[in-house]
Amino acid sequence: ALWAEGRLLHSWKDGQARIPGMLEDYAYYGLGLVELYRATGDRDHLEWARELLEVILSQFADETNGGFFDTAADGESLIVRPKSLFDASVPSGNGAAAQLCWLLGRYYGRPEWEQRALDTLAIAERGVGVSPTGFGSMLLVAEHALAARRELVTVGAAEARAPLDREAFDRFDPHLLFAPTAQPMGLPHFEGRDDGGAAAAYLCRDMVCNLPVHTAAELRAQLHAG
């Protein structure tokens, strides 16, 4: 398996996983798990993303100069540990890790993770000014940080809340933190968000929520109103 003893492995060949995971492996996989959580409401995916972020913070963080190294602290000894900031055909490891820090900081109410994302953005500031097209993944973090903090929580059994979830999926609103769940507990966004077991949607601004709505039409009206 590519996941063993709480760590990722980088490659699979001839039935064998090998090479310790790199920063980008953890960051890309973590972002994918966040999207899978949003699509399914299964918080196990979000919890796994959190586990990956904790490995990133413990094994890849550069506590002296900021940002993240590409290789783990307990990996192969190198003369210089590289640190990728510039996007190529895929986002840089640091850009993806900063996005993961920001998103999970918002989901779990961990401002120190959000700050880690901003600190990573800061070390790329000079490069962003010279060649912004090479730092799209970093600039996405800046967009998130500058945008109004808005949340959409949907609660209820998956089938019952499906019309509400579709309203979120049908809109392009990348800065809206979408948090679906069948059991509203365990995350700050879920506290007090249980409307007697019925499927409901709570549209919030910086954790201050409108009254819950129960139909797609009502939610659509709230979303259009901003």
Foldseek 3Di string as FASTA:
>chain_A
DQADPLFGADDADPRDTHHGAWLQVLLVQLVVLLVVCLVQVPCVSNVNSVSSLVQQVQFFADPPQAFGFGGGNPDDDDPDGHGDQWADVHHGSRLSSLVSLCLNCVFAVPVVSPVSSVRSLVVCVVVCVVPVVRHPSSVVSVVLVPDFQKEKEKEADCVQQVLVSVLVVVDPDVNYHYRYHHDQDDGPLSVPVCPPRHIWMWIDTPSHTDPIDRHNVVSNVVVVVD
